[in-house]
């Protein structure tokens, strides 16, 4: 019998025509059969099981209030169907309001959409996490009713030093609360964000040794992914995700804008863009899709949203990918976001 995560990832690819790694990169599975098996194993409806992730993702980091509402409305009208939020973004309520308006207008239905949110560092630990899950659902409102993906945003706890061993204790407690939300239907899928190889290995070991049978293997690991992060550590982390059947979701694939605004010499990406007739942003997004499974570029501008969406049509050769892979060696590894490697 296939493992839960095998079926999970196959259902993703079948439902959306994705080309996902871990043996699925060129494999397409019949949607109905896979969804039925997923539903049987997880006790979910076939439709929910088959629609685990949407490839067209829009990020909402640093987007709040009226701007967040407008970004969501614009993105959905363009064809985006996956909205990525988080408690620390402080935009869950605005996103919920925008979705409620779109549902009321009949432009999309709830079943068309995939909504992600994340528990912040101040919510680490079982009790705080349970409370935070309820708060996020309340902020999103009645129209979503549940989240399609619930993540632990960060492996550390707010107010604790990176080396504090309580970080590990807290995130395991948080994972227990997240698994409860998954089992009672408040979260249709669950995962982690910014987890390193060590932190993900630790969680996988806890799931495997759980005598209660209540812990579930994470389905997603979301982390910074762009050519300057194509390091041995990143490759090892992606390899572990493949081994565990975990979907790789890349963020900051444009390096918080630094890889497309001239701050960094991205001659390799420019050359590939000229050869393919794409933009540098599209080349970087396509690279991240090839090296991971799902990406979530963020923009507040309609033209750039459309440009990002078209990146799925860009075709990169193996030589193009290898050229982009080498950027980290020429320029040196570089993070543009947070560094979780010091957290125990």
Protein backbone atom coordinates (compact mmCIF):
# COMPACT_ATOMS: atom_id res chain seq x y z
CA UNK A 1 0.00 0.00 0.00
CA UNK A 2 1.42 3.45 -0.85
CA UNK A 3 2.35 5.70 2.05
CA UNK A 4 0.13 8.61 3.05
CA UNK A 5 2.63 11.15 1.75
CA UNK A 6 3.10 9.25 -1.51
CA UNK A 7 -0.63 9.45 -2.10
CA UNK A 8 -0.66 13.06 -0.89
CA UNK A 9 1.91 14.18 -3.46
CA UNK A 10 0.46 12.06 -6.22
CA UNK A 11 -2.95 13.61 -5.58
CA UNK A 12 -1.41 17.06 -5.83
CA UNK A 13 0.14 16.26 -9.18
CA UNK A 14 -2.91 14.54 -10.52
CA UNK A 15 -5.30 17.30 -9.56
CA UNK A 16 -3.21 20.12 -10.96
CA UNK A 17 -1.10 18.56 -13.69
CA UNK A 18 2.01 19.37 -11.66
CA UNK A 19 5.41 17.91 -12.42
CA UNK A 20 6.57 17.22 -8.87
CA UNK A 21 9.86 15.61 -7.88
CA UNK A 22 10.54 12.42 -5.90
CA UNK A 23 9.73 10.34 -8.94
CA UNK A 24 6.65 12.35 -9.94
CA UNK A 25 8.38 15.04 -12.03
CA UNK A 26 7.05 13.59 -15.25
CA UNK A 27 4.38 11.33 -13.77
CA UNK A 28 0.67 12.08 -14.09
CA UNK A 29 -1.73 10.03 -11.99
CA UNK A 30 -5.40 9.56 -12.66
CA UNK A 31 -7.13 12.04 -10.34
CA UNK A 32 -10.17 10.09 -9.33
CA UNK A 33 -8.35 6.89 -8.37
CA UNK A 34 -5.70 8.68 -6.36
CA UNK A 35 -8.20 10.97 -4.66
CA UNK A 36 -10.34 8.02 -3.67
CA UNK A 37 -7.35 6.23 -2.10
CA UNK A 38 -6.25 9.44 -0.33
CA UNK A 39 -9.75 9.94 1.01
CA UNK A 40 -9.92 6.35 2.23
CA UNK A 41 -6.61 6.62 4.09
CA UNK A 42 -7.18 10.05 5.60
CA UNK A 43 -10.92 10.06 6.07
CA UNK A 44 -11.31 13.08 3.80
CA UNK A 45 -13.60 13.78 0.87
CA UNK A 46 -12.12 12.92 -2.52
CA UNK A 47 -12.37 16.52 -3.68
CA UNK A 48 -10.42 17.80 -0.67
CA UNK A 49 -7.80 15.09 -1.03
CA UNK A 50 -7.20 15.80 -4.69
CA UNK A 51 -6.95 19.57 -4.35
CA UNK A 52 -4.17 19.74 -1.77
CA UNK A 53 -2.09 22.52 -3.37
CA UNK A 54 -2.57 25.08 -6.09
CA UNK A 55 0.44 25.92 -8.20
CA UNK A 56 -0.57 29.54 -8.80
CA UNK A 57 0.38 31.02 -5.44
CA UNK A 58 0.51 34.66 -4.42
CA UNK A 59 2.43 35.67 -1.29
CA UNK A 60 1.17 38.46 0.98
CA UNK A 61 4.16 39.24 3.20
CA UNK A 62 4.21 42.98 4.14
CA UNK A 63 0.81 43.51 2.52
CA UNK A 64 -1.95 44.67 4.87
CA UNK A 65 -5.33 46.34 5.07
CA UNK A 66 -6.83 47.77 1.90
CA UNK A 67 -3.73 46.85 -0.07
CA UNK A 68 -4.06 43.20 0.99
CA UNK A 69 -7.72 43.16 -0.03
CA UNK A 70 -6.87 44.64 -3.43
CA UNK A 71 -3.94 42.25 -3.99
CA UNK A 72 -6.16 39.24 -3.29
CA UNK A 73 -8.97 40.48 -5.51
CA UNK A 74 -6.58 41.30 -8.36
CA UNK A 75 -4.68 38.01 -8.03
CA UNK A 76 -7.79 35.85 -7.98
CA UNK A 77 -9.22 37.61 -11.03
CA UNK A 78 -5.94 36.89 -12.85
CA UNK A 79 -6.13 33.19 -12.08
CA UNK A 80 -4.25 32.80 -8.81
CA UNK A 81 -5.98 30.32 -6.56
CA UNK A 82 -3.58 29.89 -3.63
CA UNK A 83 -3.26 32.75 -1.13
CA UNK A 84 -0.37 32.52 1.33
CA UNK A 85 -0.80 34.38 4.62
CA UNK A 86 0.49 34.20 8.20
CA UNK A 87 -0.47 35.44 11.64
CA UNK A 88 2.63 37.66 11.75
CA UNK A 89 1.67 39.29 8.46
CA UNK A 90 -1.39 40.74 10.24
CA UNK A 91 -3.50 40.47 7.10
CA UNK A 92 -5.66 37.40 7.72
CA UNK A 93 -8.78 39.49 8.34
CA UNK A 94 -8.26 41.55 5.17
CA UNK A 95 -7.71 38.40 3.12
CA UNK A 96 -10.83 36.82 4.59
CA UNK A 97 -12.85 39.92 3.71
CA UNK A 98 -11.57 39.94 0.12
CA UNK A 99 -12.38 36.26 -0.31
CA UNK A 100 -15.87 36.73 1.17
CA UNK A 101 -16.52 39.46 -1.42
CA UNK A 102 -15.30 37.24 -4.27
CA UNK A 103 -17.44 34.34 -3.04
CA UNK A 104 -20.49 36.61 -2.74
CA UNK A 105 -19.93 37.88 -6.28
CA UNK A 106 -19.79 34.31 -7.53
CA UNK A 107 -16.42 34.87 -9.19
CA UNK A 108 -14.94 31.87 -7.36
CA UNK A 109 -16.22 29.42 -4.78
CA UNK A 110 -14.52 28.23 -1.63
CA UNK A 111 -13.65 24.95 -3.31
CA UNK A 112 -11.72 26.87 -5.98
CA UNK A 113 -9.39 28.45 -3.43
CA UNK A 114 -6.46 27.22 -1.39
CA UNK A 115 -5.66 29.26 1.72
CA UNK A 116 -2.46 28.94 3.73
CA UNK A 117 -1.68 30.53 7.08
CA UNK A 118 1.10 30.07 9.60
CA UNK A 119 1.53 30.09 13.37
CA UNK A 120 4.02 32.72 14.52
CA UNK A 121 6.98 32.32 16.91
CA UNK A 122 5.01 33.77 19.83
CA UNK A 123 2.54 30.89 19.47
CA UNK A 124 5.04 28.08 19.97
CA UNK A 125 4.01 25.41 22.48
CA UNK A 126 0.87 23.29 22.61
CA UNK A 127 -1.45 25.62 24.53
CA UNK A 128 -0.44 28.79 22.73
CA UNK A 129 -0.62 27.05 19.37
CA UNK A 130 -4.16 25.81 20.01
CA UNK A 131 -5.23 29.33 20.90
CA UNK A 132 -3.46 30.81 17.88
CA UNK A 133 -5.11 28.36 15.47
CA UNK A 134 -8.51 29.47 16.70
CA UNK A 135 -7.51 33.12 16.41
CA UNK A 136 -6.31 32.71 12.81
CA UNK A 137 -9.50 30.97 11.78
CA UNK A 138 -11.56 33.69 13.45
CA UNK A 139 -9.55 36.40 11.66
CA UNK A 140 -10.03 34.75 8.28
CA UNK A 141 -13.76 34.65 8.95
CA UNK A 142 -16.64 32.34 8.23
CA UNK A 143 -16.28 32.35 4.45
CA UNK A 144 -13.08 30.29 4.38
CA UNK A 145 -14.22 28.31 7.44
CA UNK A 146 -11.01 26.28 7.48
CA UNK A 147 -7.49 26.57 6.10
CA UNK A 148 -6.19 24.35 3.35
CA UNK A 149 -2.64 24.45 4.71
CA UNK A 150 -1.49 25.29 8.24
CA UNK A 151 2.24 25.74 8.84
CA UNK A 152 4.54 26.35 11.78
CA UNK A 153 6.15 29.56 10.55
CA UNK A 154 9.46 29.36 12.38
CA UNK A 155 11.34 26.69 14.37
CA UNK A 156 12.18 29.05 17.26
CA UNK A 157 10.11 30.54 20.06
CA UNK A 158 9.73 34.26 20.55
CA UNK A 159 11.73 35.47 23.55
CA UNK A 160 14.10 32.49 23.60
CA UNK A 161 17.73 32.42 22.58
CA UNK A 162 18.52 30.32 19.49
CA UNK A 163 20.45 27.79 21.58
CA UNK A 164 17.71 27.31 24.18
CA UNK A 165 16.68 23.61 24.19
CA UNK A 166 13.11 24.66 24.95
CA UNK A 167 12.81 25.66 21.29
CA UNK A 168 12.71 21.98 20.35
CA UNK A 169 10.24 21.15 23.12
CA UNK A 170 7.95 23.97 22.10
CA UNK A 171 7.85 23.18 18.41
CA UNK A 172 6.94 19.56 19.15
CA UNK A 173 4.07 20.80 21.31
CA UNK A 174 3.04 23.13 18.51
CA UNK A 175 3.10 20.24 16.07
CA UNK A 176 0.75 18.28 18.32
CA UNK A 177 -1.73 21.16 18.20
CA UNK A 178 -1.33 21.43 14.42
CA UNK A 179 -1.99 17.70 14.04
CA UNK A 180 -5.16 18.09 16.12
CA UNK A 181 -6.36 20.82 13.77
CA UNK A 182 -5.66 18.52 10.84
CA UNK A 183 -7.54 15.62 12.34
CA UNK A 184 -10.61 17.69 13.26
CA UNK A 185 -10.77 19.33 9.83
CA UNK A 186 -9.83 22.89 10.70
CA UNK A 187 -6.70 22.41 8.56
CA UNK A 188 -6.93 20.22 5.48
CA UNK A 189 -3.14 19.82 5.22
CA UNK A 190 -0.26 20.75 7.52
CA UNK A 191 3.45 21.44 7.41
CA UNK A 192 6.36 23.55 8.54
CA UNK A 193 8.27 26.57 7.33
CA UNK A 194 11.95 27.46 7.59
CA UNK A 195 12.83 24.04 8.99
CA UNK A 196 16.41 22.94 8.45
CA UNK A 197 17.56 19.40 7.76
CA UNK A 198 18.21 18.83 11.48
CA UNK A 199 14.87 20.27 12.59
CA UNK A 200 12.93 18.32 9.99
CA UNK A 201 14.79 15.11 10.86
CA UNK A 202 13.95 15.68 14.52
CA UNK A 203 10.25 16.09 13.71
CA UNK A 204 10.20 13.04 11.45
CA UNK A 205 11.78 10.96 14.24
CA UNK A 206 9.15 12.18 16.70
CA UNK A 207 6.35 11.21 14.31
CA UNK A 208 7.81 7.77 13.74
CA UNK A 209 8.22 7.10 17.46
CA UNK A 210 4.87 8.54 18.53
CA UNK A 211 3.20 5.82 20.58
CA UNK A 212 -0.17 7.60 20.54
CA UNK A 213 -0.43 7.56 16.77
CA UNK A 214 -1.70 11.14 16.77
CA UNK A 215 1.29 12.80 15.11
CA UNK A 216 1.34 13.13 11.32
CA UNK A 217 4.33 13.62 9.04
CA UNK A 218 4.43 17.18 7.68
CA UNK A 219 3.20 17.50 4.12
CA UNK A 220 5.00 20.73 3.23
CA UNK A 221 8.27 22.48 4.12
CA UNK A 222 8.33 26.11 3.00
CA UNK A 223 11.73 27.83 2.86
CA UNK A 224 13.80 30.41 1.00
CA UNK A 225 14.69 29.11 -2.45
CA UNK A 226 16.60 30.90 -5.20
CA UNK A 227 19.90 30.23 -7.03
CA UNK A 228 22.05 31.89 -4.33
CA UNK A 229 20.63 29.36 -1.87
CA UNK A 230 21.50 26.40 -4.10
CA UNK A 231 24.04 25.07 -1.60
CA UNK A 232 24.90 21.57 -0.38
CA UNK A 233 22.72 22.22 2.69
CA UNK A 234 19.73 23.18 0.55
CA UNK A 235 20.20 20.18 -1.71
CA UNK A 236 20.39 17.91 1.33
CA UNK A 237 17.24 19.47 2.76
CA UNK A 238 15.35 18.96 -0.50
CA UNK A 239 16.66 15.40 -0.61
CA UNK A 240 15.25 14.76 2.87
CA UNK A 241 11.92 16.24 1.82
CA UNK A 242 11.86 13.88 -1.16
CA UNK A 243 12.71 10.93 1.10
CA UNK A 244 9.88 11.82 3.49
CA UNK A 245 7.40 12.65 0.72
CA UNK A 246 7.24 16.30 1.77
CA UNK A 247 6.34 18.97 -0.77
CA UNK A 248 8.97 21.71 -1.18
CA UNK A 249 7.43 25.18 -1.27
CA UNK A 250 9.89 27.95 -2.11
CA UNK A 251 9.55 31.57 -1.06
CA UNK A 252 11.63 34.66 -1.86
CA UNK A 253 12.52 33.17 -5.25
CA UNK A 254 13.37 36.71 -6.41
CA UNK A 255 15.55 37.37 -3.36
CA UNK A 256 13.15 39.97 -1.92
CA UNK A 257 13.58 41.82 -5.20
CA UNK A 258 17.38 42.05 -5.00
CA UNK A 259 17.83 39.50 -7.79
CA UNK A 260 15.78 41.53 -10.26
CA UNK A 261 16.41 45.19 -9.34
CA UNK A 262 20.12 45.37 -10.19
CA UNK A 263 21.45 44.97 -6.65
CA UNK A 264 23.03 41.61 -7.53
CA UNK A 265 24.94 40.64 -10.67
CA UNK A 266 22.69 37.93 -12.07
CA UNK A 267 24.39 37.64 -15.47
CA UNK A 268 23.49 33.95 -15.74
CA UNK A 269 19.79 34.66 -15.28
CA UNK A 270 19.95 37.58 -17.70
CA UNK A 271 21.56 35.39 -20.33
CA UNK A 272 18.94 32.68 -19.96
CA UNK A 273 16.20 35.33 -20.09
CA UNK A 274 17.56 36.71 -23.36
CA UNK A 275 17.80 33.24 -24.90
CA UNK A 276 14.29 32.17 -23.87
CA UNK A 277 12.54 35.48 -24.41
CA UNK A 278 11.49 35.57 -20.76
CA UNK A 279 12.15 38.12 -18.04
CA UNK A 280 14.74 37.57 -15.32
CA UNK A 281 11.93 37.20 -12.78
CA UNK A 282 10.28 34.51 -14.87
CA UNK A 283 13.56 32.63 -15.24
CA UNK A 284 14.13 32.67 -11.48
CA UNK A 285 10.57 31.56 -10.74
CA UNK A 286 10.84 28.75 -13.28
CA UNK A 287 14.18 27.66 -11.81
CA UNK A 288 12.59 27.47 -8.34
CA UNK A 289 9.71 25.41 -9.72
CA UNK A 290 12.19 22.97 -11.24
CA UNK A 291 14.27 22.67 -8.08
CA UNK A 292 11.29 22.58 -5.70
CA UNK A 293 7.61 21.86 -6.19
CA UNK A 294 5.66 25.07 -5.60
CA UNK A 295 6.72 28.73 -5.46
CA UNK A 296 4.97 31.82 -4.13
CA UNK A 297 6.28 35.04 -5.66
CA UNK A 298 4.88 38.21 -4.09
CA UNK A 299 3.93 41.44 -5.82
CA UNK A 300 1.43 44.21 -5.24
CA UNK A 301 1.48 45.27 -8.91
CA UNK A 302 -0.96 43.75 -11.38
CA UNK A 303 1.53 43.75 -14.27
CA UNK A 304 4.12 41.88 -12.23
CA UNK A 305 1.51 39.42 -10.96
CA UNK A 306 0.69 38.63 -14.59
CA UNK A 307 4.41 38.35 -15.42
CA UNK A 308 4.97 35.94 -12.52
CA UNK A 309 1.98 33.85 -13.51
CA UNK A 310 3.38 33.41 -17.03
CA UNK A 311 6.61 31.92 -15.64
CA UNK A 312 5.00 28.48 -15.76
CA UNK A 313 5.20 28.70 -19.57
CA UNK A 314 8.98 29.25 -19.58
CA UNK A 315 11.04 26.22 -20.62
CA UNK A 316 14.55 25.86 -19.18
CA UNK A 317 17.02 23.33 -20.54
CA UNK A 318 19.28 21.25 -18.33
CA UNK A 319 22.12 23.54 -19.39
CA UNK A 320 20.10 26.58 -18.29
CA UNK A 321 19.40 25.00 -14.92
CA UNK A 322 23.06 24.07 -14.43
CA UNK A 323 24.12 27.62 -15.28
CA UNK A 324 21.70 29.05 -12.72
CA UNK A 325 22.78 26.43 -10.17
CA UNK A 326 26.31 27.83 -10.39
CA UNK A 327 25.38 31.33 -9.28
CA UNK A 328 25.86 30.50 -5.60
CA UNK A 329 29.40 29.31 -6.28
CA UNK A 330 30.33 32.47 -8.20
CA UNK A 331 28.63 34.97 -5.87
CA UNK A 332 28.67 33.03 -2.64
CA UNK A 333 25.61 31.76 -0.77
CA UNK A 334 23.25 34.49 0.38
CA UNK A 335 20.03 34.64 2.34
CA UNK A 336 17.68 37.57 1.92
CA UNK A 337 15.36 36.46 4.71
CA UNK A 338 15.69 34.78 8.08
CA UNK A 339 18.37 32.25 9.02
CA UNK A 340 17.02 29.30 11.03
CA UNK A 341 20.28 27.35 11.14
CA UNK A 342 21.29 28.53 14.62
CA UNK A 343 18.07 27.41 16.30
CA UNK A 344 18.39 24.16 18.21
